[in-house]
Amino acid sequence: MNATGVIFGEGVPLPLGELIRLSREGFPLSLREAAKRMDMSPATLAQIESGRRPVKGIVTMVRLADGLGLPRTQVFEWAVADLEDARERGAL
């Protein structure tokens, strides 16, 4: 996977929530364990992973990155790509 959330060889960007879910499951961490590490409720994390809650704030991006042990820049790039895609679709 590259910095924009594209799986190498596939060329199709994945939504931020799906990237977060795949990263979490790769540890593996339960939704509850990951949410605790991120200082957010399991419901909030579930909404992010399902794409029902957009990630717009820096604090949330930092919590996601730090909670999963990912580079912050990686999560920022994924979030920006996700927001740009939503904007192009008229979802924002």
C-alpha atoms as a PDB file:
ATOM      1  CA  MET A   1       0.000   0.000   0.000  1.00  0.00           C
ATOM      2  CA  ASN A   2       1.399   3.428  -0.796  1.00  0.00           C
ATOM      3  CA  ALA A   3       0.969   6.779   0.951  1.00  0.00           C
ATOM      4  CA  THR A   4      -2.306   7.609  -0.775  1.00  0.00           C
ATOM      5  CA  GLY A   5      -4.027   4.447   0.329  1.00  0.00           C
ATOM      6  CA  VAL A   6      -3.628   2.640  -2.984  1.00  0.00           C
ATOM      7  CA  ILE A   7      -2.941  -1.062  -2.751  1.00  0.00           C
ATOM      8  CA  PHE A   8       0.094  -1.734  -4.941  1.00  0.00           C
ATOM      9  CA  GLY A   9      -0.908  -3.478  -8.131  1.00  0.00           C
ATOM     10  CA  GLU A  10      -4.564  -2.634  -7.703  1.00  0.00           C
ATOM     11  CA  GLY A  11      -4.570   1.100  -8.455  1.00  0.00           C
ATOM     12  CA  VAL A  12      -7.853   1.620  -6.615  1.00  0.00           C
ATOM     13  CA  PRO A  13      -7.742   3.892  -3.573  1.00  0.00           C
ATOM     14  CA  LEU A  14      -9.422   2.564  -0.474  1.00  0.00           C
ATOM     15  CA  PRO A  15     -11.509   4.763   1.824  1.00  0.00           C
ATOM     16  CA  LEU A  16      -9.720   5.944   4.975  1.00  0.00           C
ATOM     17  CA  GLY A  17     -12.005   3.939   7.247  1.00  0.00           C
ATOM     18  CA  GLU A  18     -11.223   0.735   5.418  1.00  0.00           C
ATOM     19  CA  LEU A  19      -7.490   1.447   5.626  1.00  0.00           C
ATOM     20  CA  ILE A  20      -7.824   2.028   9.374  1.00  0.00           C
ATOM     21  CA  ARG A  21      -9.814  -1.195   9.798  1.00  0.00           C
ATOM     22  CA  LEU A  22      -7.299  -3.225   7.792  1.00  0.00           C
ATOM     23  CA  SER A  23      -4.436  -1.729   9.800  1.00  0.00           C
ATOM     24  CA  ARG A  24      -6.211  -2.492  13.094  1.00  0.00           C
ATOM     25  CA  GLU A  25      -7.010  -6.050  12.099  1.00  0.00           C
ATOM     26  CA  GLY A  26      -3.402  -6.564  11.014  1.00  0.00           C
ATOM     27  CA  PHE A  27      -2.151  -6.218  14.600  1.00  0.00           C
ATOM     28  CA  PRO A  28      -4.654  -7.829  15.477  1.00  0.00           C
ATOM     29  CA  LEU A  29      -6.571  -5.485  17.751  1.00  0.00           C
ATOM     30  CA  SER A  30     -10.243  -5.658  18.606  1.00  0.00           C
ATOM     31  CA  LEU A  31     -12.345  -2.590  17.987  1.00  0.00           C
ATOM     32  CA  ARG A  32     -12.578  -2.037  21.750  1.00  0.00           C
ATOM     33  CA  GLU A  33      -8.811  -2.398  22.304  1.00  0.00           C
ATOM     34  CA  ALA A  34      -7.969  -0.046  19.440  1.00  0.00           C
ATOM     35  CA  ALA A  35     -10.532   2.546  20.550  1.00  0.00           C
ATOM     36  CA  LYS A  36      -9.041   2.534  24.047  1.00  0.00           C
ATOM     37  CA  ARG A  37      -5.552   3.077  22.621  1.00  0.00           C
ATOM     38  CA  MET A  38      -6.951   5.968  20.550  1.00  0.00           C
ATOM     39  CA  ASP A  39      -8.857   7.540  23.446  1.00  0.00           C
ATOM     40  CA  MET A  40     -12.175   7.346  21.629  1.00  0.00           C
ATOM     41  CA  SER A  41     -15.294   5.272  21.997  1.00  0.00           C
ATOM     42  CA  PRO A  42     -15.655   1.993  20.122  1.00  0.00           C
ATOM     43  CA  ALA A  43     -18.770   3.488  18.483  1.00  0.00           C
ATOM     44  CA  THR A  44     -16.756   6.427  17.121  1.00  0.00           C
ATOM     45  CA  LEU A  45     -14.054   4.127  15.753  1.00  0.00           C
ATOM     46  CA  ALA A  46     -16.707   1.875  14.195  1.00  0.00           C
ATOM     47  CA  GLN A  47     -18.257   4.920  12.481  1.00  0.00           C
ATOM     48  CA  ILE A  48     -14.843   5.977  11.139  1.00  0.00           C
ATOM     49  CA  GLU A  49     -14.090   2.476   9.869  1.00  0.00           C
ATOM     50  CA  SER A  50     -17.481   2.180   8.170  1.00  0.00           C
ATOM     51  CA  GLY A  51     -17.126   5.586   6.510  1.00  0.00           C
ATOM     52  CA  ARG A  52     -20.130   7.070   8.319  1.00  0.00           C
ATOM     53  CA  ARG A  53     -17.930   9.555  10.189  1.00  0.00           C
ATOM     54  CA  PRO A  54     -15.395  11.584   8.195  1.00  0.00           C
ATOM     55  CA  VAL A  55     -11.993  12.238   9.734  1.00  0.00           C
ATOM     56  CA  LYS A  56     -11.427  15.982   9.469  1.00  0.00           C
ATOM     57  CA  GLY A  57      -9.593  16.967  12.633  1.00  0.00           C
ATOM     58  CA  ILE A  58      -5.874  16.770  13.261  1.00  0.00           C
ATOM     59  CA  VAL A  59      -6.420  15.427  16.788  1.00  0.00           C
ATOM     60  CA  THR A  60      -8.432  12.491  15.435  1.00  0.00           C
ATOM     61  CA  MET A  61      -5.795  11.781  12.787  1.00  0.00           C
ATOM     62  CA  VAL A  62      -3.061  11.790  15.445  1.00  0.00           C
ATOM     63  CA  ARG A  63      -5.089   9.442  17.678  1.00  0.00           C
ATOM     64  CA  LEU A  64      -5.649   7.039  14.791  1.00  0.00           C
ATOM     65  CA  ALA A  65      -1.987   7.042  13.792  1.00  0.00           C
ATOM     66  CA  ASP A  66      -0.572   6.764  17.303  1.00  0.00           C
ATOM     67  CA  GLY A  67      -3.114   4.142  18.355  1.00  0.00           C
ATOM     68  CA  LEU A  68      -2.131   1.913  15.436  1.00  0.00           C
ATOM     69  CA  GLY A  69       1.574   2.716  15.498  1.00  0.00           C
ATOM     70  CA  LEU A  70       1.404   4.226  12.017  1.00  0.00           C
ATOM     71  CA  PRO A  71       3.379   7.256  10.854  1.00  0.00           C
ATOM     72  CA  ARG A  72       1.233  10.352  11.329  1.00  0.00           C
ATOM     73  CA  THR A  73       2.078  11.534   7.823  1.00  0.00           C
ATOM     74  CA  GLN A  74       0.641   8.281   6.454  1.00  0.00           C
ATOM     75  CA  VAL A  75      -2.716   8.826   8.138  1.00  0.00           C
ATOM     76  CA  PHE A  76      -2.747  12.535   7.172  1.00  0.00           C
ATOM     77  CA  GLU A  77      -2.193  11.619   3.521  1.00  0.00           C
ATOM     78  CA  TRP A  78      -4.920   8.969   3.656  1.00  0.00           C
ATOM     79  CA  ALA A  79      -7.321  11.449   5.282  1.00  0.00           C
ATOM     80  CA  VAL A  80      -6.612  14.179   2.737  1.00  0.00           C
ATOM     81  CA  ALA A  81      -7.118  11.753  -0.160  1.00  0.00           C
ATOM     82  CA  ASP A  82     -10.370  10.555   1.421  1.00  0.00           C
ATOM     83  CA  LEU A  83     -11.666  14.108   1.936  1.00  0.00           C
ATOM     84  CA  GLU A  84     -10.726  15.101  -1.619  1.00  0.00           C
ATOM     85  CA  ASP A  85     -12.586  12.074  -2.948  1.00  0.00           C
ATOM     86  CA  ALA A  86     -15.656  12.948  -0.851  1.00  0.00           C
ATOM     87  CA  ARG A  87     -15.525  16.545  -2.067  1.00  0.00           C
ATOM     88  CA  GLU A  88     -15.355  15.392  -5.717  1.00  0.00           C
ATOM     89  CA  ARG A  89     -18.389  13.177  -5.141  1.00  0.00           C
ATOM     90  CA  GLY A  90     -20.242  16.094  -3.556  1.00  0.00           C
ATOM     91  CA  ALA A  91     -20.455  14.289  -0.241  1.00  0.00           C
ATOM     92  CA  LEU A  92     -18.975  17.248   1.672  1.00  0.00           C
END
